[in-house]
N, C-alpha and C. Protein backbone atom coordinates (compact mmCIF):
# COMPACT_ATOMS: atom_id res chain seq x y z
N MET A 1 -64.02 -84.68 -183.70
CA MET A 1 -64.65 -85.73 -182.94
C MET A 1 -63.78 -86.15 -181.75
N THR A 2 -62.61 -85.58 -181.63
CA THR A 2 -61.66 -86.00 -180.61
C THR A 2 -62.24 -85.89 -179.21
N ASN A 3 -62.88 -84.77 -178.88
CA ASN A 3 -63.41 -84.58 -177.54
C ASN A 3 -64.91 -84.83 -177.46
N SER A 4 -65.49 -85.37 -178.49
CA SER A 4 -66.92 -85.64 -178.52
C SER A 4 -67.25 -86.86 -177.67
N LYS A 5 -68.39 -86.81 -177.02
CA LYS A 5 -68.87 -87.96 -176.27
C LYS A 5 -69.67 -88.83 -177.22
N ILE A 6 -69.30 -90.10 -177.31
CA ILE A 6 -69.86 -91.02 -178.30
C ILE A 6 -70.68 -92.11 -177.63
N LEU A 7 -71.87 -92.34 -178.20
CA LEU A 7 -72.72 -93.46 -177.81
C LEU A 7 -72.82 -94.40 -178.99
N ILE A 8 -72.69 -95.69 -178.73
CA ILE A 8 -72.88 -96.71 -179.76
C ILE A 8 -74.10 -97.51 -179.34
N ALA A 9 -75.26 -97.14 -179.91
CA ALA A 9 -76.52 -97.80 -179.59
C ALA A 9 -76.82 -98.79 -180.71
N TYR A 10 -77.18 -100.00 -180.32
CA TYR A 10 -77.39 -101.01 -181.36
C TYR A 10 -78.44 -102.02 -180.93
N TYR A 11 -79.12 -102.56 -181.93
CA TYR A 11 -80.01 -103.71 -181.74
C TYR A 11 -79.37 -104.86 -182.49
N SER A 12 -79.29 -106.02 -181.85
CA SER A 12 -78.67 -107.17 -182.49
C SER A 12 -79.40 -108.44 -182.09
N ARG A 13 -79.42 -109.40 -183.00
CA ARG A 13 -80.07 -110.69 -182.71
C ARG A 13 -79.02 -111.79 -182.67
N LYS A 14 -78.87 -112.41 -181.50
CA LYS A 14 -78.05 -113.61 -181.43
C LYS A 14 -78.99 -114.81 -181.56
N GLY A 15 -78.42 -115.97 -181.64
CA GLY A 15 -79.24 -117.16 -181.84
C GLY A 15 -79.42 -117.42 -183.33
N GLN A 16 -80.57 -117.94 -183.72
CA GLN A 16 -80.81 -118.28 -185.12
C GLN A 16 -80.83 -117.04 -186.00
N ASN A 17 -80.00 -117.06 -187.03
CA ASN A 17 -79.92 -115.97 -188.00
C ASN A 17 -79.73 -116.56 -189.39
N TYR A 18 -80.10 -115.77 -190.38
CA TYR A 18 -79.89 -116.15 -191.77
C TYR A 18 -78.55 -115.59 -192.20
N VAL A 19 -77.61 -116.46 -192.54
CA VAL A 19 -76.27 -116.04 -192.95
C VAL A 19 -75.84 -116.87 -194.15
N GLY A 20 -75.55 -116.21 -195.23
CA GLY A 20 -75.02 -116.88 -196.41
C GLY A 20 -75.92 -117.97 -196.98
N GLY A 21 -77.21 -117.76 -196.87
CA GLY A 21 -78.16 -118.71 -197.44
C GLY A 21 -78.60 -119.82 -196.51
N SER A 22 -78.10 -119.83 -195.27
CA SER A 22 -78.47 -120.87 -194.31
C SER A 22 -78.84 -120.25 -192.97
N ILE A 23 -79.61 -120.99 -192.19
CA ILE A 23 -79.90 -120.58 -190.82
C ILE A 23 -78.77 -121.11 -189.95
N VAL A 24 -78.11 -120.21 -189.22
CA VAL A 24 -77.01 -120.58 -188.34
C VAL A 24 -77.28 -120.04 -186.94
N ASN A 25 -76.64 -120.61 -185.95
CA ASN A 25 -76.80 -120.16 -184.58
C ASN A 25 -75.60 -119.29 -184.21
N LEU A 26 -75.85 -118.03 -183.89
CA LEU A 26 -74.79 -117.09 -183.54
C LEU A 26 -74.78 -116.85 -182.03
N THR A 27 -73.63 -117.00 -181.41
CA THR A 27 -73.53 -116.71 -179.98
C THR A 27 -73.50 -115.20 -179.74
N VAL A 28 -73.03 -114.44 -180.72
CA VAL A 28 -73.05 -112.97 -180.68
C VAL A 28 -73.66 -112.52 -182.00
N GLY A 29 -74.66 -111.66 -181.93
CA GLY A 29 -75.31 -111.18 -183.14
C GLY A 29 -74.36 -110.36 -184.01
N ASN A 30 -74.62 -110.36 -185.31
CA ASN A 30 -73.75 -109.66 -186.27
C ASN A 30 -73.62 -108.17 -185.97
N THR A 31 -74.72 -107.52 -185.62
CA THR A 31 -74.66 -106.08 -185.35
C THR A 31 -73.85 -105.80 -184.09
N GLU A 32 -73.95 -106.68 -183.10
CA GLU A 32 -73.15 -106.51 -181.89
C GLU A 32 -71.66 -106.65 -182.19
N VAL A 33 -71.30 -107.54 -183.10
CA VAL A 33 -69.89 -107.67 -183.51
C VAL A 33 -69.38 -106.33 -184.04
N ILE A 34 -70.17 -105.70 -184.91
CA ILE A 34 -69.78 -104.39 -185.48
C ILE A 34 -69.72 -103.34 -184.37
N ALA A 35 -70.72 -103.31 -183.49
CA ALA A 35 -70.74 -102.33 -182.39
C ALA A 35 -69.48 -102.44 -181.55
N ASN A 36 -69.06 -103.65 -181.26
CA ASN A 36 -67.85 -103.84 -180.45
C ASN A 36 -66.60 -103.35 -181.19
N LYS A 37 -66.56 -103.53 -182.49
CA LYS A 37 -65.43 -103.04 -183.29
C LYS A 37 -65.40 -101.51 -183.28
N ILE A 38 -66.56 -100.89 -183.40
CA ILE A 38 -66.64 -99.42 -183.35
C ILE A 38 -66.22 -98.92 -181.97
N GLN A 39 -66.64 -99.63 -180.93
CA GLN A 39 -66.27 -99.23 -179.57
C GLN A 39 -64.76 -99.29 -179.39
N ALA A 40 -64.14 -100.32 -179.93
CA ALA A 40 -62.68 -100.45 -179.81
C ALA A 40 -61.96 -99.31 -180.54
N LEU A 41 -62.53 -98.83 -181.64
CA LEU A 41 -61.92 -97.75 -182.42
C LEU A 41 -62.18 -96.36 -181.84
N THR A 42 -63.35 -96.16 -181.20
CA THR A 42 -63.74 -94.82 -180.78
C THR A 42 -63.71 -94.61 -179.27
N GLY A 43 -63.76 -95.69 -178.50
CA GLY A 43 -63.86 -95.55 -177.05
C GLY A 43 -65.25 -95.15 -176.60
N GLY A 44 -66.21 -95.16 -177.50
CA GLY A 44 -67.58 -94.79 -177.16
C GLY A 44 -68.22 -95.75 -176.18
N GLU A 45 -69.34 -95.33 -175.61
CA GLU A 45 -70.09 -96.16 -174.67
C GLU A 45 -71.10 -97.00 -175.44
N LEU A 46 -71.17 -98.28 -175.09
CA LEU A 46 -72.11 -99.20 -175.73
C LEU A 46 -73.46 -99.17 -175.02
N PHE A 47 -74.53 -99.24 -175.81
CA PHE A 47 -75.88 -99.37 -175.27
C PHE A 47 -76.64 -100.33 -176.17
N GLU A 48 -77.02 -101.48 -175.63
CA GLU A 48 -77.76 -102.45 -176.42
C GLU A 48 -79.26 -102.18 -176.29
N ILE A 49 -79.90 -101.98 -177.42
CA ILE A 49 -81.34 -101.79 -177.47
C ILE A 49 -81.98 -103.18 -177.34
N GLN A 50 -82.73 -103.39 -176.27
CA GLN A 50 -83.34 -104.69 -176.02
C GLN A 50 -84.83 -104.52 -175.74
N THR A 51 -85.62 -105.47 -176.21
CA THR A 51 -87.05 -105.42 -175.99
C THR A 51 -87.44 -106.19 -174.74
N VAL A 52 -88.50 -105.74 -174.08
CA VAL A 52 -89.03 -106.43 -172.91
C VAL A 52 -89.52 -107.81 -173.33
N LYS A 53 -90.29 -107.85 -174.40
CA LYS A 53 -90.80 -109.11 -174.92
C LYS A 53 -89.78 -109.66 -175.92
N THR A 54 -89.27 -110.85 -175.64
CA THR A 54 -88.26 -111.43 -176.52
C THR A 54 -88.91 -112.01 -177.78
N TYR A 55 -88.14 -112.06 -178.82
CA TYR A 55 -88.61 -112.65 -180.07
C TYR A 55 -88.49 -114.17 -179.99
N PRO A 56 -89.25 -114.88 -180.85
CA PRO A 56 -89.14 -116.34 -180.85
C PRO A 56 -87.71 -116.79 -181.13
N THR A 57 -87.36 -117.96 -180.63
CA THR A 57 -86.05 -118.54 -180.89
C THR A 57 -85.90 -118.86 -182.37
N ASP A 58 -86.96 -119.37 -182.97
CA ASP A 58 -86.95 -119.76 -184.38
C ASP A 58 -86.84 -118.53 -185.28
N TYR A 59 -85.85 -118.56 -186.19
CA TYR A 59 -85.61 -117.44 -187.09
C TYR A 59 -86.84 -117.10 -187.93
N THR A 60 -87.46 -118.09 -188.54
CA THR A 60 -88.62 -117.85 -189.41
C THR A 60 -89.78 -117.24 -188.63
N GLU A 61 -89.99 -117.72 -187.42
CA GLU A 61 -91.06 -117.15 -186.58
C GLU A 61 -90.75 -115.69 -186.24
N THR A 62 -89.49 -115.40 -185.97
CA THR A 62 -89.11 -114.01 -185.68
C THR A 62 -89.38 -113.11 -186.88
N THR A 63 -89.10 -113.59 -188.09
CA THR A 63 -89.35 -112.75 -189.27
C THR A 63 -90.84 -112.45 -189.40
N LYS A 64 -91.69 -113.40 -189.03
CA LYS A 64 -93.15 -113.18 -189.08
C LYS A 64 -93.57 -112.13 -188.06
N VAL A 65 -93.04 -112.26 -186.84
CA VAL A 65 -93.34 -111.28 -185.80
C VAL A 65 -92.87 -109.89 -186.23
N ALA A 66 -91.66 -109.83 -186.78
CA ALA A 66 -91.09 -108.55 -187.23
C ALA A 66 -91.96 -107.93 -188.33
N MET A 67 -92.44 -108.73 -189.26
CA MET A 67 -93.30 -108.22 -190.33
C MET A 67 -94.61 -107.68 -189.74
N ASN A 68 -95.20 -108.40 -188.80
CA ASN A 68 -96.44 -107.94 -188.18
C ASN A 68 -96.22 -106.65 -187.39
N GLU A 69 -95.08 -106.54 -186.72
CA GLU A 69 -94.76 -105.30 -186.01
C GLU A 69 -94.64 -104.14 -186.99
N LYS A 70 -93.98 -104.38 -188.11
CA LYS A 70 -93.81 -103.32 -189.11
C LYS A 70 -95.16 -102.91 -189.68
N LYS A 71 -95.97 -103.89 -190.05
CA LYS A 71 -97.31 -103.59 -190.61
C LYS A 71 -98.16 -102.81 -189.62
N GLY A 72 -98.02 -103.14 -188.34
CA GLY A 72 -98.80 -102.47 -187.30
C GLY A 72 -98.15 -101.22 -186.75
N ASN A 73 -97.00 -100.83 -187.31
CA ASN A 73 -96.25 -99.66 -186.84
C ASN A 73 -96.03 -99.73 -185.31
N ALA A 74 -95.69 -100.93 -184.84
CA ALA A 74 -95.53 -101.18 -183.40
C ALA A 74 -94.33 -100.43 -182.83
N ARG A 75 -94.39 -100.20 -181.55
CA ARG A 75 -93.27 -99.64 -180.81
C ARG A 75 -93.03 -100.55 -179.61
N PRO A 76 -92.24 -101.62 -179.80
CA PRO A 76 -91.99 -102.55 -178.70
C PRO A 76 -91.37 -101.84 -177.50
N GLU A 77 -91.80 -102.24 -176.32
CA GLU A 77 -91.26 -101.65 -175.10
C GLU A 77 -89.82 -102.11 -174.92
N LEU A 78 -88.96 -101.19 -174.51
CA LEU A 78 -87.54 -101.49 -174.31
C LEU A 78 -87.25 -101.76 -172.84
N THR A 79 -86.22 -102.55 -172.59
CA THR A 79 -85.84 -102.87 -171.21
C THR A 79 -85.19 -101.69 -170.51
N ALA A 80 -84.62 -100.76 -171.27
CA ALA A 80 -83.93 -99.60 -170.68
C ALA A 80 -83.86 -98.48 -171.71
N THR A 81 -83.62 -97.28 -171.22
CA THR A 81 -83.38 -96.14 -172.10
C THR A 81 -82.00 -95.58 -171.75
N VAL A 82 -81.47 -94.78 -172.63
CA VAL A 82 -80.16 -94.17 -172.40
C VAL A 82 -80.30 -93.11 -171.31
N LYS A 83 -79.43 -93.21 -170.32
CA LYS A 83 -79.40 -92.19 -169.27
C LYS A 83 -78.62 -90.98 -169.82
N ASN A 84 -79.15 -89.81 -169.62
CA ASN A 84 -78.52 -88.56 -170.05
C ASN A 84 -78.19 -88.52 -171.54
N PRO A 85 -79.18 -88.72 -172.41
CA PRO A 85 -78.88 -88.69 -173.85
C PRO A 85 -78.30 -87.34 -174.31
N ASP A 86 -78.61 -86.27 -173.56
CA ASP A 86 -78.08 -84.95 -173.92
C ASP A 86 -76.57 -84.88 -173.82
N SER A 87 -75.97 -85.78 -173.05
CA SER A 87 -74.52 -85.72 -172.85
C SER A 87 -73.72 -86.25 -174.04
N TYR A 88 -74.40 -86.86 -175.01
CA TYR A 88 -73.70 -87.42 -176.18
C TYR A 88 -73.78 -86.46 -177.36
N ASP A 89 -72.67 -86.38 -178.10
CA ASP A 89 -72.61 -85.56 -179.30
C ASP A 89 -72.83 -86.40 -180.55
N ILE A 90 -72.32 -87.63 -180.51
CA ILE A 90 -72.34 -88.52 -181.67
C ILE A 90 -72.98 -89.84 -181.26
N ILE A 91 -73.91 -90.30 -182.08
CA ILE A 91 -74.55 -91.59 -181.84
C ILE A 91 -74.32 -92.48 -183.05
N TYR A 92 -73.55 -93.54 -182.85
CA TYR A 92 -73.47 -94.59 -183.86
C TYR A 92 -74.70 -95.46 -183.61
N LEU A 93 -75.50 -95.67 -184.62
CA LEU A 93 -76.76 -96.41 -184.47
C LEU A 93 -76.72 -97.66 -185.32
N GLY A 94 -76.74 -98.83 -184.67
CA GLY A 94 -76.61 -100.09 -185.38
C GLY A 94 -77.85 -100.94 -185.32
N TYR A 95 -78.07 -101.67 -186.40
CA TYR A 95 -79.27 -102.50 -186.51
C TYR A 95 -79.14 -103.46 -187.69
N PRO A 96 -79.87 -104.58 -187.63
CA PRO A 96 -79.98 -105.43 -188.82
C PRO A 96 -81.09 -104.86 -189.72
N ASN A 97 -81.01 -105.15 -190.99
CA ASN A 97 -82.08 -104.76 -191.90
C ASN A 97 -83.19 -105.80 -191.78
N TRP A 98 -84.31 -105.37 -191.27
CA TRP A 98 -85.50 -106.23 -191.17
C TRP A 98 -86.58 -105.61 -192.03
N TRP A 99 -86.94 -106.27 -193.11
CA TRP A 99 -88.02 -105.85 -193.99
C TRP A 99 -87.79 -104.43 -194.53
N GLY A 100 -86.56 -104.14 -194.92
CA GLY A 100 -86.26 -102.88 -195.59
C GLY A 100 -85.89 -101.72 -194.70
N THR A 101 -85.89 -101.94 -193.40
CA THR A 101 -85.52 -100.87 -192.47
C THR A 101 -84.98 -101.53 -191.19
N PHE A 102 -84.97 -100.81 -190.10
CA PHE A 102 -84.49 -101.38 -188.85
C PHE A 102 -85.65 -101.98 -188.06
N PRO A 103 -85.35 -102.85 -187.09
CA PRO A 103 -86.39 -103.41 -186.24
C PRO A 103 -87.20 -102.29 -185.56
N MET A 104 -88.44 -102.56 -185.29
CA MET A 104 -89.31 -101.55 -184.69
C MET A 104 -88.81 -101.09 -183.33
N ALA A 105 -88.03 -101.92 -182.66
CA ALA A 105 -87.43 -101.50 -181.37
C ALA A 105 -86.52 -100.29 -181.56
N VAL A 106 -85.90 -100.18 -182.73
CA VAL A 106 -85.04 -99.02 -183.00
C VAL A 106 -85.89 -97.77 -183.19
N PHE A 107 -87.08 -97.92 -183.77
CA PHE A 107 -88.02 -96.79 -183.84
C PHE A 107 -88.33 -96.32 -182.41
N THR A 108 -88.63 -97.28 -181.51
CA THR A 108 -88.90 -96.94 -180.11
C THR A 108 -87.72 -96.18 -179.52
N PHE A 109 -86.51 -96.67 -179.74
CA PHE A 109 -85.31 -96.03 -179.21
C PHE A 109 -85.18 -94.59 -179.73
N LEU A 110 -85.34 -94.40 -181.04
CA LEU A 110 -85.17 -93.06 -181.61
C LEU A 110 -86.25 -92.08 -181.13
N GLU A 111 -87.40 -92.60 -180.76
CA GLU A 111 -88.48 -91.74 -180.25
C GLU A 111 -88.39 -91.54 -178.74
N SER A 112 -87.42 -92.21 -178.09
CA SER A 112 -87.32 -92.15 -176.63
C SER A 112 -86.55 -90.94 -176.12
N ALA A 113 -85.90 -90.21 -177.01
CA ALA A 113 -85.09 -89.06 -176.59
C ALA A 113 -85.07 -88.03 -177.72
N ASP A 114 -84.65 -86.84 -177.37
CA ASP A 114 -84.52 -85.77 -178.36
C ASP A 114 -83.09 -85.78 -178.90
N PHE A 115 -82.96 -86.11 -180.17
CA PHE A 115 -81.64 -86.17 -180.79
C PHE A 115 -81.33 -84.92 -181.62
N SER A 116 -82.03 -83.84 -181.33
CA SER A 116 -81.79 -82.58 -182.03
C SER A 116 -80.34 -82.16 -181.88
N GLY A 117 -79.74 -81.78 -183.00
CA GLY A 117 -78.37 -81.30 -182.99
C GLY A 117 -77.31 -82.39 -182.85
N LYS A 118 -77.73 -83.62 -182.70
CA LYS A 118 -76.77 -84.73 -182.57
C LYS A 118 -76.32 -85.19 -183.95
N ILE A 119 -75.20 -85.86 -183.99
CA ILE A 119 -74.72 -86.51 -185.21
C ILE A 119 -75.06 -87.99 -185.06
N ILE A 120 -75.84 -88.52 -186.00
CA ILE A 120 -76.20 -89.93 -185.99
C ILE A 120 -75.50 -90.60 -187.16
N ILE A 121 -74.76 -91.66 -186.84
CA ILE A 121 -73.99 -92.38 -187.86
C ILE A 121 -74.50 -93.82 -187.89
N PRO A 122 -75.33 -94.17 -188.89
CA PRO A 122 -75.92 -95.50 -188.93
C PRO A 122 -74.97 -96.58 -189.43
N PHE A 123 -75.14 -97.78 -188.85
CA PHE A 123 -74.47 -98.97 -189.39
C PHE A 123 -75.47 -100.11 -189.37
N CYS A 124 -75.42 -100.90 -190.43
CA CYS A 124 -76.44 -101.91 -190.67
C CYS A 124 -75.80 -103.22 -191.07
N THR A 125 -76.36 -104.31 -190.58
CA THR A 125 -75.97 -105.63 -191.06
C THR A 125 -77.14 -106.19 -191.86
N HIS A 126 -76.81 -107.00 -192.85
CA HIS A 126 -77.83 -107.51 -193.78
C HIS A 126 -77.29 -108.75 -194.45
N GLU A 127 -78.14 -109.40 -195.21
CA GLU A 127 -77.69 -110.54 -196.01
C GLU A 127 -78.02 -110.33 -197.48
N GLY A 128 -77.91 -109.09 -197.93
CA GLY A 128 -78.10 -108.80 -199.34
C GLY A 128 -78.99 -107.60 -199.60
N SER A 129 -79.67 -107.11 -198.58
CA SER A 129 -80.62 -106.01 -198.79
C SER A 129 -80.06 -104.64 -198.44
N GLY A 130 -78.82 -104.57 -198.02
CA GLY A 130 -78.19 -103.28 -197.74
C GLY A 130 -78.91 -102.48 -196.67
N LEU A 131 -78.91 -101.19 -196.83
CA LEU A 131 -79.51 -100.28 -195.86
C LEU A 131 -81.03 -100.15 -196.01
N GLY A 132 -81.57 -100.62 -197.16
CA GLY A 132 -82.99 -100.43 -197.39
C GLY A 132 -83.32 -98.95 -197.33
N HIS A 133 -84.41 -98.59 -196.68
CA HIS A 133 -84.76 -97.17 -196.53
C HIS A 133 -84.54 -96.70 -195.09
N SER A 134 -83.62 -97.38 -194.39
CA SER A 134 -83.37 -97.05 -192.99
C SER A 134 -82.84 -95.63 -192.78
N GLU A 135 -81.98 -95.16 -193.68
CA GLU A 135 -81.45 -93.80 -193.52
C GLU A 135 -82.57 -92.76 -193.59
N GLN A 136 -83.49 -92.95 -194.53
CA GLN A 136 -84.62 -92.03 -194.66
C GLN A 136 -85.51 -92.10 -193.41
N ASP A 137 -85.67 -93.31 -192.86
CA ASP A 137 -86.48 -93.45 -191.65
C ASP A 137 -85.84 -92.74 -190.47
N ILE A 138 -84.53 -92.81 -190.35
CA ILE A 138 -83.84 -92.08 -189.28
C ILE A 138 -84.07 -90.57 -189.46
N GLN A 139 -83.93 -90.10 -190.68
CA GLN A 139 -84.10 -88.67 -190.95
C GLN A 139 -85.53 -88.21 -190.60
N LYS A 140 -86.52 -89.05 -190.91
CA LYS A 140 -87.92 -88.70 -190.56
C LYS A 140 -88.11 -88.64 -189.05
N LEU A 141 -87.52 -89.57 -188.33
CA LEU A 141 -87.68 -89.62 -186.88
C LEU A 141 -86.85 -88.57 -186.15
N CYS A 142 -85.74 -88.18 -186.75
CA CYS A 142 -84.81 -87.24 -186.12
C CYS A 142 -84.49 -86.11 -187.11
N PRO A 143 -85.49 -85.30 -187.48
CA PRO A 143 -85.29 -84.31 -188.54
C PRO A 143 -84.28 -83.21 -188.22
N THR A 144 -83.99 -83.00 -186.95
CA THR A 144 -83.04 -81.94 -186.60
C THR A 144 -81.68 -82.50 -186.20
N ALA A 145 -81.48 -83.78 -186.44
CA ALA A 145 -80.16 -84.39 -186.24
C ALA A 145 -79.42 -84.39 -187.58
N ARG A 146 -78.11 -84.48 -187.52
CA ARG A 146 -77.31 -84.59 -188.74
C ARG A 146 -76.99 -86.07 -188.96
N ILE A 147 -77.47 -86.61 -190.06
CA ILE A 147 -77.26 -88.02 -190.36
C ILE A 147 -76.04 -88.13 -191.27
N GLU A 148 -75.04 -88.85 -190.81
CA GLU A 148 -73.80 -89.03 -191.57
C GLU A 148 -73.89 -90.29 -192.43
N LYS A 149 -72.89 -90.47 -193.27
CA LYS A 149 -72.84 -91.60 -194.20
C LYS A 149 -72.87 -92.92 -193.44
N ALA A 150 -73.82 -93.74 -193.81
CA ALA A 150 -74.00 -95.05 -193.18
C ALA A 150 -73.10 -96.09 -193.83
N ILE A 151 -72.97 -97.21 -193.13
CA ILE A 151 -72.26 -98.36 -193.69
C ILE A 151 -73.18 -99.57 -193.55
N ALA A 152 -73.18 -100.40 -194.57
CA ALA A 152 -73.94 -101.65 -194.56
C ALA A 152 -72.95 -102.79 -194.76
N ILE A 153 -72.97 -103.74 -193.85
CA ILE A 153 -72.04 -104.88 -193.91
C ILE A 153 -72.83 -106.18 -193.91
N ARG A 154 -72.51 -107.01 -194.86
CA ARG A 154 -73.17 -108.32 -194.92
C ARG A 154 -72.85 -109.09 -193.64
N GLY A 155 -73.89 -109.63 -193.01
CA GLY A 155 -73.74 -110.34 -191.75
C GLY A 155 -72.67 -111.41 -191.77
N GLY A 156 -72.61 -112.16 -192.86
CA GLY A 156 -71.62 -113.22 -192.98
C GLY A 156 -70.19 -112.71 -193.08
N ASN A 157 -70.01 -111.38 -193.26
CA ASN A 157 -68.67 -110.80 -193.41
C ASN A 157 -68.22 -109.98 -192.20
N VAL A 158 -69.02 -109.93 -191.13
CA VAL A 158 -68.69 -109.03 -190.02
C VAL A 158 -67.33 -109.31 -189.39
N ASN A 159 -66.94 -110.57 -189.34
CA ASN A 159 -65.66 -110.89 -188.70
C ASN A 159 -64.46 -110.54 -189.57
N ASN A 160 -64.69 -110.24 -190.84
CA ASN A 160 -63.61 -109.88 -191.76
C ASN A 160 -63.71 -108.42 -192.22
N ALA A 161 -64.44 -107.61 -191.48
CA ALA A 161 -64.72 -106.24 -191.94
C ALA A 161 -63.92 -105.18 -191.18
N ASP A 162 -62.88 -105.56 -190.46
CA ASP A 162 -62.15 -104.60 -189.64
C ASP A 162 -61.64 -103.40 -190.43
N LYS A 163 -61.00 -103.63 -191.56
CA LYS A 163 -60.44 -102.53 -192.36
C LYS A 163 -61.56 -101.63 -192.89
N GLN A 164 -62.63 -102.24 -193.37
CA GLN A 164 -63.78 -101.48 -193.89
C GLN A 164 -64.38 -100.59 -192.79
N ILE A 165 -64.52 -101.14 -191.59
CA ILE A 165 -65.08 -100.37 -190.48
C ILE A 165 -64.12 -99.28 -190.04
N GLU A 166 -62.85 -99.60 -189.96
CA GLU A 166 -61.85 -98.60 -189.56
C GLU A 166 -61.82 -97.43 -190.54
N ASP A 167 -61.83 -97.71 -191.84
CA ASP A 167 -61.83 -96.64 -192.85
C ASP A 167 -63.09 -95.79 -192.74
N TRP A 168 -64.23 -96.42 -192.50
CA TRP A 168 -65.51 -95.71 -192.39
C TRP A 168 -65.51 -94.82 -191.14
N VAL A 169 -65.05 -95.35 -190.00
CA VAL A 169 -65.01 -94.56 -188.77
C VAL A 169 -64.08 -93.36 -188.93
N LYS A 170 -62.94 -93.54 -189.60
CA LYS A 170 -62.00 -92.43 -189.80
C LYS A 170 -62.60 -91.32 -190.64
N ASN A 171 -63.45 -91.69 -191.59
CA ASN A 171 -64.06 -90.68 -192.48
C ASN A 171 -65.34 -90.13 -191.90
């Protein structure tokens, strides 16, 4: 991986989030915290997956919108796509667990380019639900990519996960 070109693509929610049993206001989303830690360890390029239509400020309202998107198999429009996706060898893919998988915007991202032959390394933040079936969903969307061992980190622990992330990145 020494000479590999690395992309760290992630979807993250700042603002109201569910952390440790309470709704808290985050100035930086949990997944973005992890993405920045991976960037510091790998030197990879960061790409934030963002939707054109923003989600409600209220956490509970966002969960309802997210559930409706999942039920409708929606593909939210993104504000940008990765320029020259072919130039990357390794993609660290980050997301929160929403309803057992990643937000539908990540489905849009994965369908926006051909990841054939790429190495995709998932990382997920959650508050108790782990990876859900997100790894299987990545494999379905990118059947010719190599999916490496994912990591799931509880959102409330992201600021104390440096050693865990470093060990995972090394392996």
